N, C-alpha and C. Protein backbone atom coordinates (compact mmCIF):
# COMPACT_ATOMS: atom_id res chain seq x y z
N UNK A 1 -64.82 7.97 55.92
CA UNK A 1 -63.25 8.20 55.79
C UNK A 1 -62.52 7.46 55.82
N UNK A 2 -63.15 6.12 56.56
CA UNK A 2 -62.39 4.92 56.69
C UNK A 2 -61.80 4.64 54.49
N UNK A 3 -63.15 4.90 54.49
CA UNK A 3 -63.10 4.60 52.97
C UNK A 3 -61.68 5.39 51.76
N UNK A 4 -61.66 6.87 52.74
CA UNK A 4 -60.62 6.93 52.09
C UNK A 4 -59.04 6.79 51.97
N UNK A 5 -59.09 6.00 53.35
CA UNK A 5 -57.59 5.41 53.86
C UNK A 5 -58.19 4.25 53.03
N UNK A 6 -58.96 3.13 52.26
CA UNK A 6 -58.57 2.31 51.79
C UNK A 6 -57.94 3.04 50.37
N UNK A 7 -58.79 4.22 50.16
CA UNK A 7 -58.52 4.35 48.66
C UNK A 7 -56.61 4.89 48.76
N UNK A 8 -56.19 5.22 50.07
CA UNK A 8 -55.02 5.85 49.97
C UNK A 8 -54.55 4.70 50.16
N UNK A 9 -54.67 3.53 50.50
CA UNK A 9 -53.63 1.91 50.62
C UNK A 9 -53.65 1.54 49.59
N UNK A 10 -54.37 1.56 48.84
CA UNK A 10 -54.91 0.48 47.64
C UNK A 10 -53.87 1.49 46.55
N UNK A 11 -54.07 2.85 46.49
CA UNK A 11 -53.03 3.33 45.38
C UNK A 11 -51.87 3.34 46.34
N UNK A 12 -51.30 3.65 47.41
CA UNK A 12 -49.94 2.69 47.60
C UNK A 12 -49.34 1.85 46.94
N UNK A 13 -50.42 0.62 47.03
CA UNK A 13 -50.10 -0.59 46.29
C UNK A 13 -49.70 -1.01 45.25
N UNK A 14 -50.94 0.32 44.29
CA UNK A 14 -50.35 0.20 43.00
C UNK A 14 -48.98 0.70 42.73
N UNK A 15 -48.52 1.64 43.41
CA UNK A 15 -47.84 2.48 43.74
C UNK A 15 -46.31 1.49 43.59
N UNK A 16 -46.27 0.74 44.33
CA UNK A 16 -45.69 -0.34 44.73
C UNK A 16 -45.40 -1.70 43.88
N UNK A 17 -46.19 -1.79 43.10
CA UNK A 17 -46.49 -2.48 41.68
C UNK A 17 -46.51 -2.26 40.46
N UNK A 18 -46.43 -0.88 40.42
CA UNK A 18 -45.75 -0.19 39.53
C UNK A 18 -44.67 0.27 39.06
N UNK A 19 -43.96 0.33 40.21
CA UNK A 19 -41.84 -0.13 40.62
C UNK A 19 -41.73 -0.94 39.68
N UNK A 20 -42.46 -1.92 40.12
CA UNK A 20 -41.84 -3.85 39.13
C UNK A 20 -42.33 -3.26 38.45
N UNK A 21 -43.05 -3.35 37.84
CA UNK A 21 -43.92 -3.24 36.22
C UNK A 21 -43.00 -2.39 35.75
N UNK A 22 -42.76 -1.34 36.35
CA UNK A 22 -41.93 0.23 35.37
C UNK A 22 -40.54 -0.72 35.31
N UNK A 23 -39.85 -1.62 36.60
CA UNK A 23 -38.62 -2.12 36.29
C UNK A 23 -38.55 -3.36 35.13
N UNK A 24 -39.57 -4.51 35.44
CA UNK A 24 -39.51 -5.00 34.27
C UNK A 24 -39.78 -4.22 32.90
N UNK A 25 -40.16 -3.28 32.64
CA UNK A 25 -39.99 -2.60 31.60
C UNK A 25 -39.01 -2.21 30.86
N UNK A 26 -38.32 -1.77 31.74
CA UNK A 26 -36.59 -1.19 31.44
C UNK A 26 -35.98 -2.66 31.00
N UNK A 27 -35.95 -3.92 31.64
CA UNK A 27 -35.45 -5.37 31.48
C UNK A 27 -35.96 -5.03 30.23
N UNK A 28 -36.64 -5.64 30.01
CA UNK A 28 -37.66 -5.95 29.31
C UNK A 28 -37.16 -5.16 27.56
N UNK A 29 -36.81 -3.77 27.88
CA UNK A 29 -36.06 -2.41 26.66
C UNK A 29 -34.56 -3.01 26.70
N UNK A 30 -33.94 -3.36 28.12
CA UNK A 30 -32.71 -3.58 27.51
C UNK A 30 -32.47 -4.40 27.16
N UNK A 31 -33.18 -5.83 27.60
CA UNK A 31 -33.53 -7.47 26.55
C UNK A 31 -33.60 -7.04 25.07
N UNK A 32 -34.59 -5.97 24.52
CA UNK A 32 -34.88 -6.35 23.29
C UNK A 32 -33.84 -5.19 22.59
N UNK A 33 -33.32 -4.89 22.87
CA UNK A 33 -31.91 -2.82 22.36
C UNK A 33 -30.82 -4.77 22.42
N UNK A 34 -30.68 -5.05 23.21
CA UNK A 34 -29.01 -5.91 23.25
C UNK A 34 -29.34 -7.10 22.45
N UNK A 35 -30.69 -7.40 21.41
CA UNK A 35 -31.24 -7.90 21.22
C UNK A 35 -30.81 -7.68 19.59
N UNK A 36 -31.54 -6.52 19.26
CA UNK A 36 -30.75 -5.96 18.30
C UNK A 36 -29.71 -5.44 17.80
N UNK A 37 -29.13 -5.32 18.96
CA UNK A 37 -27.72 -4.84 18.45
C UNK A 37 -26.86 -5.77 17.59
N UNK A 38 -26.96 -7.08 18.80
CA UNK A 38 -26.73 -8.46 18.82
C UNK A 38 -27.22 -8.80 16.81
N UNK A 39 -28.24 -8.60 16.67
CA UNK A 39 -28.37 -9.41 15.11
C UNK A 39 -28.09 -8.14 14.18
N UNK A 40 -27.94 -7.09 14.45
CA UNK A 40 -27.40 -5.93 13.59
C UNK A 40 -25.64 -6.26 13.24
N UNK A 41 -25.55 -6.46 14.18
CA UNK A 41 -23.85 -6.81 14.58
C UNK A 41 -23.67 -8.10 13.95
N UNK A 42 -24.68 -8.89 13.65
CA UNK A 42 -24.35 -11.07 13.04
C UNK A 42 -24.93 -10.70 12.05
N UNK A 43 -25.76 -9.56 11.45
CA UNK A 43 -26.20 -9.67 9.95
C UNK A 43 -25.31 -8.40 9.19
N UNK A 44 -24.77 -7.75 9.74
CA UNK A 44 -23.76 -6.68 9.45
C UNK A 44 -22.45 -7.36 9.23
N UNK A 45 -22.48 -8.10 9.75
CA UNK A 45 -21.31 -9.16 9.26
C UNK A 45 -20.88 -9.65 7.89
N UNK A 46 -21.84 -10.05 7.40
CA UNK A 46 -22.42 -11.01 6.50
C UNK A 46 -21.93 -10.32 5.20
N UNK A 47 -22.66 -8.67 5.56
CA UNK A 47 -23.16 -7.92 4.56
C UNK A 47 -21.97 -7.06 4.55
N UNK A 48 -20.95 -6.98 5.13
CA UNK A 48 -19.42 -6.53 4.90
C UNK A 48 -18.85 -7.54 4.19
N UNK A 49 -18.72 -8.77 4.51
CA UNK A 49 -17.51 -9.54 3.74
C UNK A 49 -18.48 -9.86 2.25
N UNK A 50 -20.14 -9.84 1.84
CA UNK A 50 -20.26 -9.48 0.93
C UNK A 50 -20.14 -8.78 0.07
N UNK A 51 -20.11 -7.70 0.63
CA UNK A 51 -19.60 -6.01 0.08
C UNK A 51 -17.74 -6.45 0.03
N UNK A 52 -17.30 -6.87 0.64
CA UNK A 52 -15.98 -7.04 0.68
C UNK A 52 -15.52 -8.05 -0.79
N UNK A 53 -16.50 -9.33 -0.71
CA UNK A 53 -15.97 -10.35 -1.81
C UNK A 53 -16.96 -9.44 -3.10
N UNK A 54 -17.61 -8.22 -3.48
CA UNK A 54 -17.87 -7.88 -4.37
C UNK A 54 -17.12 -6.98 -4.52
N UNK A 55 -16.48 -6.12 -4.13
CA UNK A 55 -14.88 -5.02 -4.19
C UNK A 55 -13.81 -6.39 -4.82
N UNK A 56 -13.92 -7.36 -4.16
CA UNK A 56 -12.62 -7.95 -4.86
C UNK A 56 -12.63 -8.82 -6.07
N UNK A 57 -13.87 -8.77 -6.15
CA UNK A 57 -14.51 -9.04 -8.49
C UNK A 57 -14.65 -8.42 -8.81
N UNK A 58 -14.85 -7.00 -8.41
CA UNK A 58 -14.93 -5.53 -9.50
C UNK A 58 -13.64 -5.49 -9.52
N UNK A 59 -12.76 -5.36 -8.22
CA UNK A 59 -11.70 -4.74 -8.66
C UNK A 59 -10.19 -5.51 -7.91
N UNK A 60 -9.41 -6.31 -8.84
CA UNK A 60 -8.85 -7.50 -8.32
C UNK A 60 -7.45 -6.83 -8.54
N UNK A 61 -7.28 -7.45 -7.03
CA UNK A 61 -5.66 -7.00 -6.47
C UNK A 61 -4.54 -6.64 -7.27
N UNK A 62 -4.11 -5.86 -7.45
CA UNK A 62 -2.46 -5.82 -8.65
C UNK A 62 -1.35 -6.37 -7.85
N UNK A 63 -0.13 -6.77 -8.69
CA UNK A 63 0.31 -7.93 -8.64
C UNK A 63 1.15 -6.80 -8.08
N UNK A 64 2.44 -7.58 -7.25
CA UNK A 64 3.81 -6.41 -7.54
C UNK A 64 4.29 -5.74 -8.68
N UNK A 65 4.78 -4.97 -8.22
CA UNK A 65 5.60 -3.64 -9.23
C UNK A 65 7.22 -4.87 -9.23
N UNK A 66 7.28 -4.60 -10.84
CA UNK A 66 8.64 -5.12 -11.23
C UNK A 66 9.44 -4.16 -12.42
N UNK A 67 10.63 -4.10 -11.44
CA UNK A 67 11.47 -2.89 -11.60
C UNK A 67 12.73 -3.48 -12.12
N UNK A 68 13.13 -2.66 -13.87
CA UNK A 68 14.22 -2.88 -14.05
C UNK A 68 15.23 -1.53 -14.41
N UNK A 69 15.96 -1.98 -14.56
CA UNK A 69 17.07 -0.38 -14.63
C UNK A 69 17.96 -0.64 -15.47
N UNK A 70 17.53 0.24 -16.60
CA UNK A 70 18.04 0.10 -17.75
C UNK A 70 20.05 0.60 -17.53
N UNK A 71 20.83 0.28 -17.84
CA UNK A 71 22.27 0.43 -17.38
C UNK A 71 23.21 1.14 -17.95
N UNK A 72 23.04 0.93 -19.33
CA UNK A 72 24.28 2.21 -19.73
C UNK A 72 23.06 3.81 -20.29
N UNK A 73 23.79 4.35 -19.97
CA UNK A 73 22.49 5.88 -19.39
C UNK A 73 22.51 6.67 -21.14
N UNK A 74 21.49 7.39 -21.60
CA UNK A 74 21.39 8.10 -22.64
C UNK A 74 22.52 9.55 -22.74
N UNK A 75 23.34 9.13 -23.43
CA UNK A 75 23.98 11.01 -23.61
C UNK A 75 23.46 11.36 -25.23
N UNK A 76 23.11 12.77 -25.12
CA UNK A 76 22.68 13.21 -26.16
C UNK A 76 23.29 14.88 -26.08
N UNK A 77 23.95 15.13 -27.11
CA UNK A 77 24.52 16.56 -27.26
C UNK A 77 23.58 17.73 -27.31
N UNK A 78 23.25 18.57 -27.58
CA UNK A 78 22.17 19.85 -28.08
C UNK A 78 23.33 20.89 -28.92
N UNK A 79 24.32 20.86 -29.85
CA UNK A 79 25.18 21.70 -29.83
C UNK A 79 24.40 22.35 -30.54
N UNK A 80 23.56 22.48 -32.13
CA UNK A 80 23.12 22.95 -32.90
C UNK A 80 22.37 23.81 -32.40
N UNK A 81 21.57 23.59 -31.09
CA UNK A 81 20.29 24.23 -30.81
C UNK A 81 21.29 25.45 -29.94
N UNK A 82 22.09 24.69 -29.06
CA UNK A 82 22.24 26.74 -28.35
C UNK A 82 23.16 27.02 -28.36
N UNK A 83 23.43 28.13 -29.55
CA UNK A 83 24.61 28.67 -30.02
C UNK A 83 25.98 28.34 -30.33
N UNK A 84 26.19 27.05 -30.68
CA UNK A 84 27.53 26.51 -30.50
C UNK A 84 27.97 26.24 -28.99
N UNK A 85 26.99 26.72 -28.26
CA UNK A 85 27.57 25.70 -26.82
C UNK A 85 27.29 25.10 -26.53
N UNK A 86 28.41 24.00 -25.97
CA UNK A 86 28.65 22.69 -25.07
C UNK A 86 27.20 22.48 -24.51
N UNK A 87 26.81 22.15 -25.09
CA UNK A 87 24.95 21.15 -23.95
C UNK A 87 24.62 19.50 -24.29
N UNK A 88 24.19 18.81 -23.22
CA UNK A 88 24.12 17.74 -23.41
C UNK A 88 23.20 17.17 -22.67
N UNK A 89 22.54 16.24 -22.61
CA UNK A 89 21.54 15.53 -21.79
C UNK A 89 22.28 14.15 -21.72
N UNK A 90 22.08 13.50 -20.51
CA UNK A 90 22.58 12.01 -19.59
C UNK A 90 21.15 12.01 -19.14
N UNK A 91 20.64 10.81 -19.56
CA UNK A 91 19.45 10.17 -18.76
C UNK A 91 19.61 8.85 -18.11
N UNK A 92 18.91 8.65 -16.94
CA UNK A 92 19.29 6.59 -17.04
C UNK A 92 17.99 6.64 -16.21
N UNK A 93 17.94 5.99 -16.68
CA UNK A 93 16.13 5.11 -16.66
C UNK A 93 15.95 3.84 -15.77
N UNK A 94 15.02 3.61 -15.23
CA UNK A 94 14.37 2.72 -14.81
C UNK A 94 12.64 2.56 -15.73
N UNK A 95 12.03 1.15 -15.46
CA UNK A 95 11.26 1.05 -16.02
C UNK A 95 10.21 0.02 -14.79
N UNK A 96 8.55 0.29 -14.87
CA UNK A 96 8.00 -0.99 -13.84
C UNK A 96 6.91 -1.40 -14.56
N UNK A 97 6.66 -2.64 -14.19
CA UNK A 97 5.65 -3.74 -15.31
C UNK A 97 5.19 -4.32 -13.50
N UNK A 98 3.98 -4.74 -14.34
CA UNK A 98 3.50 -5.87 -12.95
C UNK A 98 3.87 -7.38 -13.55
N UNK A 99 4.42 -7.26 -14.59
CA UNK A 99 4.26 -9.04 -15.40
C UNK A 99 5.91 -9.21 -15.83
N UNK A 100 6.38 -10.19 -14.90
CA UNK A 100 7.73 -10.52 -15.41
C UNK A 100 7.75 -10.84 -16.98
N UNK A 101 7.21 -11.24 -17.19
CA UNK A 101 7.05 -11.11 -19.22
C UNK A 101 7.20 -10.15 -19.90
N UNK A 102 6.62 -9.06 -18.90
CA UNK A 102 6.73 -7.79 -19.73
C UNK A 102 8.18 -7.38 -19.25
N UNK A 103 8.88 -7.61 -18.07
CA UNK A 103 10.46 -7.20 -18.05
C UNK A 103 11.47 -7.62 -18.99
N UNK A 104 11.02 -8.92 -19.27
CA UNK A 104 11.14 -9.80 -20.17
C UNK A 104 11.88 -9.52 -21.75
N UNK A 105 10.73 -8.91 -21.68
CA UNK A 105 10.39 -8.45 -23.49
C UNK A 105 11.12 -7.56 -23.63
N UNK A 106 10.96 -6.63 -22.42
CA UNK A 106 11.72 -5.37 -22.42
C UNK A 106 13.12 -5.39 -22.57
N UNK A 107 13.90 -6.66 -21.78
CA UNK A 107 15.23 -6.96 -21.82
C UNK A 107 15.40 -7.17 -23.30
N UNK A 108 14.71 -7.93 -23.76
CA UNK A 108 15.51 -8.89 -25.23
C UNK A 108 15.09 -8.17 -26.31
N UNK A 109 13.97 -6.63 -25.96
CA UNK A 109 14.50 -5.92 -27.41
C UNK A 109 14.97 -4.49 -26.89
N UNK A 110 15.60 -4.60 -25.84
CA UNK A 110 16.35 -3.47 -25.24
C UNK A 110 16.71 -2.80 -26.44
N UNK A 111 17.80 -3.50 -27.51
CA UNK A 111 18.20 -2.98 -28.42
C UNK A 111 17.82 -1.14 -29.29
N UNK A 112 16.32 -2.42 -29.63
CA UNK A 112 15.51 -1.52 -30.72
C UNK A 112 14.65 -0.53 -29.86
N UNK A 113 14.55 -0.42 -28.36
CA UNK A 113 14.46 0.31 -27.52
C UNK A 113 14.60 1.50 -27.34
N UNK A 114 16.72 0.94 -27.11
CA UNK A 114 17.44 2.17 -27.11
C UNK A 114 17.32 3.02 -28.38
N UNK A 115 17.29 2.37 -29.30
CA UNK A 115 17.58 2.81 -30.54
C UNK A 115 16.58 4.33 -30.92
N UNK A 116 15.01 3.90 -30.28
CA UNK A 116 14.42 4.59 -30.79
C UNK A 116 14.53 5.93 -28.96
N UNK A 117 14.33 5.23 -28.12
CA UNK A 117 15.08 6.45 -26.85
C UNK A 117 16.07 7.83 -27.07
N UNK A 118 17.30 7.27 -27.80
CA UNK A 118 18.14 7.80 -28.10
C UNK A 118 17.57 8.86 -29.27
N UNK A 119 16.49 8.85 -30.36
CA UNK A 119 16.58 9.12 -31.78
C UNK A 119 15.25 10.14 -30.74
N UNK A 120 14.55 10.28 -30.15
CA UNK A 120 13.68 11.16 -29.36
C UNK A 120 14.07 12.03 -28.20
N UNK A 121 14.84 10.95 -27.61
CA UNK A 121 16.38 12.44 -26.47
C UNK A 121 16.92 13.35 -27.63
N UNK A 122 17.52 12.71 -28.92
CA UNK A 122 18.16 13.93 -29.53
C UNK A 122 16.96 14.66 -30.43
N UNK A 123 15.61 14.68 -30.40
CA UNK A 123 14.74 15.45 -31.03
C UNK A 123 14.24 16.36 -30.10
N UNK A 124 14.76 16.19 -29.00
CA UNK A 124 14.10 17.10 -27.76
C UNK A 124 15.33 18.69 -27.42
N UNK A 125 14.52 19.48 -27.29
CA UNK A 125 15.49 21.18 -27.80
C UNK A 125 15.83 21.02 -26.00
N UNK A 126 16.75 21.93 -26.13
CA UNK A 126 17.43 22.23 -24.58
C UNK A 126 16.72 23.25 -23.68
N UNK A 127 15.71 24.31 -24.30
CA UNK A 127 15.19 25.02 -23.60
C UNK A 127 14.01 24.59 -23.29
N UNK A 128 13.37 23.45 -24.15
CA UNK A 128 11.96 23.09 -23.72
C UNK A 128 11.96 21.96 -22.57
N UNK A 129 13.44 21.42 -22.49
CA UNK A 129 13.68 20.43 -21.03
C UNK A 129 13.85 21.18 -20.33
N UNK A 130 14.38 22.71 -20.31
CA UNK A 130 15.26 23.37 -19.04
C UNK A 130 13.87 24.24 -18.56
N UNK A 131 12.60 24.23 -18.74
CA UNK A 131 11.88 24.56 -18.68
C UNK A 131 10.33 24.22 -18.52
N UNK A 132 10.64 23.07 -17.44
CA UNK A 132 9.84 21.75 -16.99
C UNK A 132 9.09 21.18 -17.91
N UNK A 133 9.80 20.33 -19.14
CA UNK A 133 9.83 20.01 -20.30
C UNK A 133 9.81 18.01 -19.81
N UNK A 134 10.41 17.41 -18.58
CA UNK A 134 10.59 16.70 -18.32
C UNK A 134 9.69 15.84 -17.77
N UNK A 135 7.92 15.72 -17.09
CA UNK A 135 7.75 15.54 -17.06
C UNK A 135 6.76 14.54 -18.53
N UNK A 136 6.95 15.79 -19.63
CA UNK A 136 6.18 15.53 -20.79
C UNK A 136 7.15 14.32 -21.14
N UNK A 137 8.42 14.61 -21.53
CA UNK A 137 9.69 13.44 -22.09
C UNK A 137 9.58 12.08 -21.43
N UNK A 138 8.89 12.43 -19.65
CA UNK A 138 8.77 10.73 -19.34
C UNK A 138 7.77 10.03 -20.13
N UNK A 139 6.64 11.40 -20.10
CA UNK A 139 5.37 9.91 -20.72
C UNK A 139 5.64 9.65 -22.02
N UNK A 140 6.48 10.87 -23.01
CA UNK A 140 7.00 10.10 -24.06
C UNK A 140 7.97 9.43 -24.17
N UNK A 141 8.72 8.77 -23.14
CA UNK A 141 9.61 7.95 -22.64
C UNK A 141 8.38 6.40 -22.82
N UNK A 142 7.95 6.14 -22.42
CA UNK A 142 7.14 5.44 -21.93
C UNK A 142 6.02 4.88 -23.01
N UNK A 143 5.60 5.96 -24.23
CA UNK A 143 4.89 5.73 -25.21
C UNK A 143 5.88 5.27 -26.31
N UNK A 144 6.79 5.56 -26.34
CA UNK A 144 7.82 5.13 -27.38
C UNK A 144 8.34 3.34 -27.15
N UNK A 145 8.68 3.05 -25.56
CA UNK A 145 8.99 1.57 -25.29
C UNK A 145 7.81 1.26 -25.37
N UNK A 146 6.75 1.38 -25.04
CA UNK A 146 6.02 0.63 -25.03
C UNK A 146 5.27 0.14 -26.68
N UNK A 147 5.54 1.60 -27.57
CA UNK A 147 5.06 1.11 -28.56
C UNK A 147 6.34 0.37 -29.76
N UNK A 148 7.53 0.33 -29.08
CA UNK A 148 7.95 -0.84 -29.66
C UNK A 148 8.09 -2.23 -29.30
N UNK A 149 7.62 -2.61 -28.21
CA UNK A 149 7.07 -3.84 -27.50
C UNK A 149 5.45 -4.02 -28.13
N UNK A 150 4.85 -2.90 -28.13
CA UNK A 150 3.26 -3.34 -29.31
C UNK A 150 3.37 -3.81 -30.71
N UNK A 151 4.83 -3.66 -31.02
CA UNK A 151 5.00 -3.92 -32.35
C UNK A 151 5.70 -5.38 -32.70
N UNK A 152 5.96 -5.73 -31.01
CA UNK A 152 6.34 -7.33 -31.28
C UNK A 152 5.39 -8.02 -30.55
N UNK A 153 4.46 -7.46 -30.89
CA UNK A 153 3.25 -8.50 -30.27
C UNK A 153 3.03 -8.32 -28.51
N UNK A 154 3.31 -7.59 -28.00
CA UNK A 154 3.18 -7.57 -26.66
C UNK A 154 2.17 -6.17 -26.08
N UNK A 155 1.37 -6.61 -25.84
CA UNK A 155 -0.10 -5.97 -25.95
C UNK A 155 0.42 -5.30 -24.59
N UNK A 156 0.43 -5.94 -23.60
CA UNK A 156 0.24 -5.37 -21.75
C UNK A 156 1.51 -4.38 -22.25
N UNK A 157 1.69 -3.39 -21.94
CA UNK A 157 3.04 -2.24 -21.78
C UNK A 157 3.66 -2.49 -20.55
N UNK A 158 4.81 -1.54 -20.28
CA UNK A 158 4.87 -1.32 -19.04
C UNK A 158 4.14 -0.56 -18.99
N UNK A 159 4.15 -0.14 -17.45
CA UNK A 159 3.55 0.60 -16.56
C UNK A 159 3.62 2.17 -16.42
N UNK A 160 4.83 1.67 -16.16
CA UNK A 160 5.44 3.55 -15.74
C UNK A 160 7.25 3.54 -16.49
N UNK A 161 8.09 4.77 -16.53
CA UNK A 161 9.40 5.09 -16.49
C UNK A 161 9.63 5.80 -15.25
N UNK A 162 10.42 5.64 -14.70
CA UNK A 162 11.18 6.60 -14.24
C UNK A 162 12.76 6.78 -14.17
N UNK A 163 13.14 8.40 -14.69
CA UNK A 163 14.38 8.83 -14.39
C UNK A 163 15.05 8.60 -12.94
N UNK A 164 16.29 7.80 -13.38
CA UNK A 164 16.78 7.83 -11.63
C UNK A 164 18.20 8.88 -11.41
N UNK A 165 18.34 9.27 -13.24
CA UNK A 165 19.13 10.51 -13.16
C UNK A 165 18.98 11.30 -14.46
N UNK A 166 19.45 12.39 -14.46
CA UNK A 166 18.71 13.52 -15.52
C UNK A 166 19.09 14.87 -15.59
N UNK A 167 20.44 14.79 -15.78
CA UNK A 167 21.43 15.55 -16.21
C UNK A 167 21.37 16.52 -17.13
N UNK A 168 21.34 17.93 -17.40
CA UNK A 168 21.72 18.77 -18.35
C UNK A 168 22.39 19.57 -18.06
N UNK A 169 23.53 19.88 -18.91
CA UNK A 169 24.80 20.90 -19.04
C UNK A 169 24.80 22.04 -20.06
């Protein structure tokens, strides 16, 4: 029986040593986990920086928008289209580009652009514009203005046209 007691004592000694071994293993796992997280953060920041640089190379930052307001409104009458009722259209607009050279070219060629836009507005039908045709007209104005600029060797044209006032009566 003495042997059994010795065996029990030895077993208890291993249990105490087992607790310290378990504690050492837990600490080692925690240290490795922290090292892994630290390495991932360190290496991840390089990858994020590289991906940010790649994104900047692929998609360059847009320049700020530059707006120009056409001061003179466009006035057009629709007397022939509206059963001899007096109907008219008045449009005020602004244009937008991202290069001051395009805005300067627009100002320089404004008389030719105004002429083309007046012809465009005059060719519109009152009933078509009255039934949500303003978006199509906005795109047509942009295309017509860019057409005039392109004829003057300005390849990069206006980016947008905005109606700041649109009156139909």
